Amino acid sequence: MIYSTGVRVLMFILLLLVLGGRARAQTNDESLDLPGFLNAAQSWAQSNLDEEVLRALPAADSPQVNELLGQCEEYLQGDDVLDLAQLQSVAATLLPLLEAQAETQPTAAWLRTRLDYFEAAEALKPLPPKPGQPTNGVSAVKPTVKAVAEIWIQKVAARPWPKAAVALVPPLKRVFAQAGVPGELVWLAEVESGFEVRTRSPAGAVGLFQLMPAAAKGQGLRRWPLDERQQVAPSGRAAAGELRRLYSLFHDWPLTVAAYNCGAGRVQKTLKRFNATSYAAIAAKLPAETQMYVPKVGATIWKREGKRLEALAAPSAQP
């Protein structure tokens, strides 16, 4: 497999992470120290990553780990879903390192759900040309919205309910119903966190519905002394409220779900720029994560509820 320069750098950093401690124990050779690199990585991490994630990682390894996580975020915010395939091996190797410590398991839960995107991207890659056929342009063809949707239908078709969903889905549906939001949308929690309440992204999104601090505050959640984003009913009310707010802007569930993932401003600007009115018309111009997220949500709701995302009822009047 051929990796891009960026991914080779990621794998080099990962090698440092795995072997660095062993090398330091075996030699005092100062040439193994990379102060310039580590200082730059630390500076980047402090500027871009959530402080709680940074504090949770071991002091010696947090710059390298955060550099890896930051690069994953960078690829997810790019606009080419096929680029995500390059992160599959890196994420699969990093995941057990994060899962090995209780402090970083919430970040592991975040990465585990994004590994799903990387695997889907690999499945979307075009087949290599047959011997003798020209290769120009083969890798440049982006998958269609329909192709991405079909991949997700295939991927989720055989998946059982997440274990935690059995207990969490009924109360969450009641919370959504009280907010006048279709109960089928509670399955966003499977896509966001796999129903793991502790899930935390490197950027600071937390809980079942991966609420960022600003969204949580806007929906009236407290983050101190206990973070209500990690509590089932409060986080469900906030997620339902945010979905209701976004639907009032777009009057369309695929666009609403896209905005939940990448922000209302990004979706509005893209619609305006391309004089478009539908998710399908702008999908390729949205972040790669959003291009994966919307059809994964749609496929998950279809699998769990037998309903199409675009056909869900509009929010009802609140009691």
Protein backbone atom coordinates (compact mmCIF):
# COMPACT_ATOMS: atom_id res chain seq x y z
CA MET A 1 0.00 0.00 0.00
CA ILE A 2 1.31 3.48 -0.90
CA TYR A 3 0.82 6.18 1.75
CA SER A 4 0.83 9.91 1.23
CA THR A 5 3.59 12.01 2.78
CA GLY A 6 1.24 13.15 5.54
CA VAL A 7 0.31 9.60 6.50
CA ARG A 8 3.94 8.48 6.44
CA VAL A 9 4.65 11.29 8.92
CA LEU A 10 1.78 10.04 11.09
CA MET A 11 3.16 6.52 11.07
CA PHE A 12 6.61 7.82 11.92
CA ILE A 13 5.17 9.68 14.92
CA LEU A 14 3.32 6.54 15.94
CA LEU A 15 6.58 4.59 15.75
CA LEU A 16 8.14 7.15 18.09
CA LEU A 17 5.22 6.72 20.45
CA VAL A 18 5.52 2.95 20.59
CA LEU A 19 9.29 2.69 20.65
CA GLY A 20 10.32 5.96 22.25
CA GLY A 21 10.10 4.79 25.84
CA ARG A 22 11.98 1.60 25.03
CA ALA A 23 14.74 3.53 23.26
CA ARG A 24 15.11 5.97 26.15
CA ALA A 25 15.48 3.05 28.55
CA GLN A 26 18.21 1.44 26.47
CA THR A 27 20.45 4.38 25.61
CA ASN A 28 21.48 7.85 26.69
CA ASP A 29 22.24 8.89 23.12
CA GLU A 30 21.11 12.52 22.88
CA SER A 31 20.56 12.14 19.12
CA LEU A 32 17.33 10.28 19.92
CA ASP A 33 15.88 13.42 21.51
CA LEU A 34 13.73 15.53 19.19
CA PRO A 35 13.16 18.71 21.20
CA GLY A 36 12.29 20.92 18.24
CA PHE A 37 9.71 18.48 16.93
CA LEU A 38 8.19 17.82 20.35
CA ASN A 39 8.01 21.52 21.21
CA ALA A 40 6.22 22.25 17.94
CA ALA A 41 3.82 19.38 18.50
CA GLN A 42 3.15 20.50 22.08
CA SER A 43 2.47 24.06 20.91
CA TRP A 44 0.06 22.80 18.26
CA ALA A 45 -1.72 20.55 20.73
CA GLN A 46 -2.15 23.30 23.31
CA SER A 47 -3.64 25.58 20.66
CA ASN A 48 -5.96 23.08 19.01
CA LEU A 49 -6.91 20.22 21.34
CA ASP A 50 -9.17 19.99 24.34
CA GLU A 51 -7.32 20.57 27.63
CA GLU A 52 -8.87 17.57 29.38
CA VAL A 53 -7.66 15.23 26.64
CA LEU A 54 -4.21 16.78 26.82
CA ARG A 55 -4.02 16.37 30.59
CA ALA A 56 -5.22 12.77 30.43
CA LEU A 57 -2.38 11.59 28.21
CA PRO A 58 0.99 10.64 29.70
CA ALA A 59 3.24 13.69 29.78
CA ALA A 60 5.98 12.11 27.68
CA ASP A 61 3.68 10.91 24.94
CA SER A 62 0.88 13.48 24.78
CA PRO A 63 2.48 15.60 22.03
CA GLN A 64 2.89 12.61 19.73
CA VAL A 65 -0.58 11.22 20.44
CA ASN A 66 -2.21 14.60 20.04
CA GLU A 67 -0.36 15.17 16.79
CA LEU A 68 -1.86 11.92 15.50
CA LEU A 69 -5.34 12.80 16.69
CA GLY A 70 -5.02 16.28 15.25
CA GLN A 71 -4.02 14.88 11.89
CA CYS A 72 -7.04 12.56 11.95
CA GLU A 73 -9.22 15.63 12.55
CA GLU A 74 -7.48 17.44 9.70
CA TYR A 75 -8.26 14.64 7.25
CA LEU A 76 -11.86 14.49 8.48
CA GLN A 77 -12.21 18.21 7.77
CA GLY A 78 -10.82 17.85 4.25
CA ASP A 79 -13.25 17.41 1.37
CA ASP A 80 -12.06 14.11 -0.12
CA VAL A 81 -13.58 11.02 1.49
CA LEU A 82 -11.08 8.74 -0.24
CA ASP A 83 -8.24 10.39 1.66
CA LEU A 84 -9.69 8.96 4.86
CA ALA A 85 -8.73 5.46 3.76
CA GLN A 86 -5.08 6.32 4.39
CA LEU A 87 -5.77 6.68 8.11
CA GLN A 88 -7.20 3.18 8.59
CA SER A 89 -3.94 1.49 9.62
CA VAL A 90 -2.79 4.45 11.72
CA ALA A 91 -6.07 4.65 13.66
CA ALA A 92 -6.24 0.88 14.15
CA THR A 93 -2.76 0.94 15.68
CA LEU A 94 -3.41 3.99 17.84
CA LEU A 95 -6.75 2.71 19.17
CA PRO A 96 -5.39 0.01 21.55
CA LEU A 97 -2.87 2.51 22.93
CA LEU A 98 -5.72 4.81 23.91
CA GLU A 99 -7.86 1.95 25.19
CA ALA A 100 -5.07 0.72 27.47
CA GLN A 101 -5.49 3.62 29.91
CA ALA A 102 -8.69 4.54 31.71
CA GLU A 103 -7.94 8.23 31.25
CA THR A 104 -7.80 8.02 27.46
CA GLN A 105 -10.61 5.51 26.91
CA PRO A 106 -13.14 8.32 26.21
CA THR A 107 -10.93 9.46 23.33
CA ALA A 108 -10.59 5.85 22.18
CA ALA A 109 -14.39 5.67 21.96
CA TRP A 110 -14.33 8.72 19.67
CA LEU A 111 -11.61 7.24 17.47
CA ARG A 112 -13.39 3.89 17.28
CA THR A 113 -16.43 5.45 15.61
CA ARG A 114 -14.21 7.39 13.18
CA LEU A 115 -12.31 4.22 12.28
CA ASP A 116 -15.61 3.18 10.75
CA TYR A 117 -15.28 6.14 8.34
CA PHE A 118 -11.75 5.14 7.41
CA GLU A 119 -12.86 1.59 6.65
CA ALA A 120 -15.77 2.84 4.55
CA ALA A 121 -13.41 5.07 2.60
CA GLU A 122 -11.21 2.07 1.83
CA ALA A 123 -14.27 0.23 0.48
CA LEU A 124 -15.09 3.23 -1.73
CA LYS A 125 -11.69 3.38 -3.39
CA PRO A 126 -11.87 2.53 -7.11
CA LEU A 127 -10.38 -0.73 -8.28
CA PRO A 128 -6.90 -0.38 -9.77
CA PRO A 129 -6.81 -0.46 -13.59
CA LYS A 130 -6.12 -3.74 -15.30
CA PRO A 131 -2.68 -4.28 -16.80
CA GLY A 132 -2.28 -2.22 -19.93
CA GLN A 133 -5.04 0.23 -19.06
CA PRO A 134 -4.19 3.91 -18.48
CA THR A 135 -4.00 4.97 -14.82
CA ASN A 136 -4.47 8.72 -15.22
CA GLY A 137 -7.44 9.99 -13.28
CA VAL A 138 -8.48 6.70 -11.69
CA SER A 139 -7.81 7.83 -8.13
CA ALA A 140 -9.19 11.33 -8.78
CA VAL A 141 -12.78 10.19 -9.32
CA LYS A 142 -14.77 10.98 -6.19
CA PRO A 143 -17.55 8.60 -5.14
CA THR A 144 -21.09 9.77 -5.73
CA VAL A 145 -23.57 10.52 -2.96
CA LYS A 146 -25.42 7.36 -3.98
CA ALA A 147 -22.26 5.24 -3.79
CA VAL A 148 -21.44 6.49 -0.29
CA ALA A 149 -25.02 5.82 0.85
CA GLU A 150 -24.90 2.28 -0.52
CA ILE A 151 -21.64 1.53 1.28
CA TRP A 152 -23.22 2.50 4.59
CA ILE A 153 -26.34 0.44 3.95
CA GLN A 154 -24.04 -2.55 3.39
CA LYS A 155 -21.88 -1.82 6.45
CA VAL A 156 -24.69 -1.47 8.98
CA ALA A 157 -26.96 -4.17 7.55
CA ALA A 158 -25.68 -6.96 9.82
CA ARG A 159 -24.92 -4.89 12.91
CA PRO A 160 -26.79 -5.73 16.11
CA TRP A 161 -27.89 -3.04 18.50
CA PRO A 162 -25.01 -1.66 20.57
CA LYS A 163 -25.27 -3.19 24.04
CA ALA A 164 -25.91 0.11 25.78
CA ALA A 165 -28.65 1.02 23.29
CA VAL A 166 -31.02 -1.55 24.77
CA ALA A 167 -31.26 0.46 28.00
CA LEU A 168 -30.75 3.95 26.57
CA VAL A 169 -32.96 4.11 23.48
CA PRO A 170 -36.38 3.97 25.26
CA PRO A 171 -35.71 6.88 27.68
CA LEU A 172 -34.01 8.90 24.93
CA LYS A 173 -37.03 8.45 22.68
CA ARG A 174 -39.23 9.81 25.47
CA VAL A 175 -36.93 12.82 25.81
CA PHE A 176 -37.04 13.46 22.07
CA ALA A 177 -40.82 13.09 22.02
CA GLN A 178 -41.12 15.71 24.78
CA ALA A 179 -39.07 18.03 22.58
CA GLY A 180 -41.28 17.34 19.56
CA VAL A 181 -38.40 15.77 17.61
CA PRO A 182 -38.76 12.43 15.80
CA GLY A 183 -37.63 9.64 18.10
CA GLU A 184 -35.80 7.88 15.27
CA LEU A 185 -33.11 10.54 15.54
CA VAL A 186 -31.89 9.14 18.87
CA TRP A 187 -29.79 6.84 16.68
CA LEU A 188 -27.46 9.74 16.11
CA ALA A 189 -25.95 8.51 19.38
CA GLU A 190 -24.87 5.26 17.72
CA VAL A 191 -23.08 7.19 14.99
CA GLU A 192 -21.60 9.81 17.32
CA SER A 193 -20.47 7.66 20.22
CA GLY A 194 -21.65 4.06 19.91
CA PHE A 195 -23.85 4.90 22.94
CA GLU A 196 -20.76 5.39 25.11
CA VAL A 197 -21.57 8.27 27.48
CA ARG A 198 -17.90 9.01 28.23
CA THR A 199 -16.91 9.60 24.60
CA ARG A 200 -14.75 12.69 24.16
CA SER A 201 -13.35 14.06 20.91
CA PRO A 202 -9.90 15.68 20.72
CA ALA A 203 -11.65 19.02 20.09
CA GLY A 204 -13.80 18.74 23.24
CA ALA A 205 -17.14 17.30 22.09
CA VAL A 206 -18.52 15.07 24.85
CA GLY A 207 -21.15 12.45 25.50
CA LEU A 208 -23.68 10.34 23.63
CA PHE A 209 -24.43 13.11 21.15
CA GLN A 210 -20.93 14.66 21.05
CA LEU A 211 -22.02 18.13 22.07
CA MET A 212 -19.43 20.89 21.83
CA PRO A 213 -19.24 23.37 24.72
CA ALA A 214 -20.96 26.16 22.78
CA ALA A 215 -23.87 23.94 21.71
CA ALA A 216 -24.23 22.59 25.25
CA LYS A 217 -24.30 26.10 26.68
CA GLY A 218 -26.81 27.21 24.05
CA GLN A 219 -29.11 24.38 25.11
CA GLY A 220 -28.77 25.18 28.81
CA LEU A 221 -26.45 22.37 29.91
CA ARG A 222 -24.03 22.81 32.79
CA ARG A 223 -20.44 21.64 32.54
CA TRP A 224 -19.58 22.22 36.21
CA PRO A 225 -19.48 20.75 38.80
CA LEU A 226 -20.67 17.78 36.71
CA ASP A 227 -20.69 17.79 32.91
CA GLU A 228 -24.32 17.23 31.93
CA ARG A 229 -23.20 16.21 28.45
CA GLN A 230 -22.31 12.88 30.06
CA GLN A 231 -25.79 12.43 31.54
CA VAL A 232 -28.38 10.64 29.44
CA ALA A 233 -31.51 12.76 29.84
CA PRO A 234 -29.85 16.21 29.83
CA SER A 235 -27.68 15.38 26.82
CA GLY A 236 -30.72 13.95 25.02
CA ARG A 237 -32.72 17.13 25.65
CA ALA A 238 -29.84 19.25 24.40
CA ALA A 239 -29.36 17.15 21.26
CA ALA A 240 -33.08 17.24 20.50
CA GLY A 241 -33.13 20.99 21.06
CA GLU A 242 -30.16 21.48 18.76
CA LEU A 243 -31.78 19.35 16.04
CA ARG A 244 -34.99 21.33 16.40
CA ARG A 245 -33.09 24.60 16.10
CA LEU A 246 -31.21 23.45 13.00
CA TYR A 247 -34.36 22.12 11.34
CA SER A 248 -35.93 25.56 11.72
CA LEU A 249 -33.10 26.86 9.53
CA PHE A 250 -33.08 24.19 6.81
CA HIS A 251 -36.52 22.48 6.88
CA ASP A 252 -34.84 19.30 5.69
CA TRP A 253 -33.42 16.45 7.76
CA PRO A 254 -30.34 15.59 5.66
CA LEU A 255 -29.27 19.24 5.72
CA THR A 256 -30.10 19.44 9.43
CA VAL A 257 -27.97 16.37 10.19
CA ALA A 258 -25.14 17.79 8.07
CA ALA A 259 -25.31 21.03 10.06
CA TYR A 260 -25.31 19.08 13.34
CA ASN A 261 -21.99 17.62 12.23
CA CYS A 262 -20.16 20.53 10.60
CA GLY A 263 -22.10 23.59 11.73
CA ALA A 264 -25.03 25.57 10.39
CA GLY A 265 -22.78 28.33 9.06
CA ARG A 266 -20.78 25.94 6.90
CA VAL A 267 -23.94 24.42 5.40
CA GLN A 268 -25.60 27.79 4.80
CA LYS A 269 -22.53 29.25 3.10
CA THR A 270 -22.16 26.20 0.86
CA LEU A 271 -25.81 26.25 -0.17
CA LYS A 272 -25.52 29.92 -1.01
CA ARG A 273 -22.24 29.55 -2.87
CA PHE A 274 -23.61 26.84 -5.17
CA ASN A 275 -27.17 28.19 -5.33
CA ALA A 276 -28.36 24.82 -4.01
CA THR A 277 -31.26 23.64 -1.88
CA SER A 278 -30.42 20.00 -1.06
CA TYR A 279 -27.77 17.99 0.74
CA ALA A 280 -27.00 15.93 -2.38
CA ALA A 281 -26.19 19.10 -4.32
CA ILE A 282 -23.50 20.22 -1.85
CA ALA A 283 -22.30 16.98 -0.26
CA ALA A 284 -18.99 16.88 -2.14
CA LYS A 285 -18.19 20.40 -0.93
CA LEU A 286 -18.70 19.61 2.74
CA PRO A 287 -16.05 18.11 5.07
CA ALA A 288 -15.22 14.46 4.45
CA GLU A 289 -16.55 13.54 7.88
CA THR A 290 -19.91 15.12 7.05
CA GLN A 291 -20.01 13.27 3.72
CA MET A 292 -19.68 10.06 5.73
CA TYR A 293 -21.80 11.13 8.69
CA VAL A 294 -25.06 11.99 6.91
CA PRO A 295 -25.40 8.70 4.98
CA LYS A 296 -24.26 6.71 8.01
CA VAL A 297 -27.01 8.34 10.07
CA GLY A 298 -29.47 7.58 7.28
CA ALA A 299 -28.38 3.95 7.00
CA THR A 300 -28.48 3.50 10.79
CA ILE A 301 -32.02 4.88 11.08
CA TRP A 302 -33.09 2.68 8.16
CA LYS A 303 -31.56 -0.38 9.84
CA ARG A 304 -32.96 0.36 13.32
CA GLU A 305 -36.34 1.88 12.43
CA GLY A 306 -37.08 1.04 8.79
CA LYS A 307 -37.51 4.73 7.94
CA ARG A 308 -35.71 7.07 5.58
CA LEU A 309 -33.96 10.07 7.08
CA GLU A 310 -35.41 12.43 4.49
CA ALA A 311 -38.93 11.15 5.17
CA LEU A 312 -38.96 11.73 8.93
CA ALA A 313 -41.67 14.05 10.22
CA ALA A 314 -40.91 17.69 10.88
CA PRO A 315 -40.66 18.68 14.55
CA SER A 316 -44.06 19.04 16.14
CA ALA A 317 -45.29 21.93 18.22
CA GLN A 318 -43.79 21.72 21.69
CA PRO A 319 -46.29 21.18 24.52
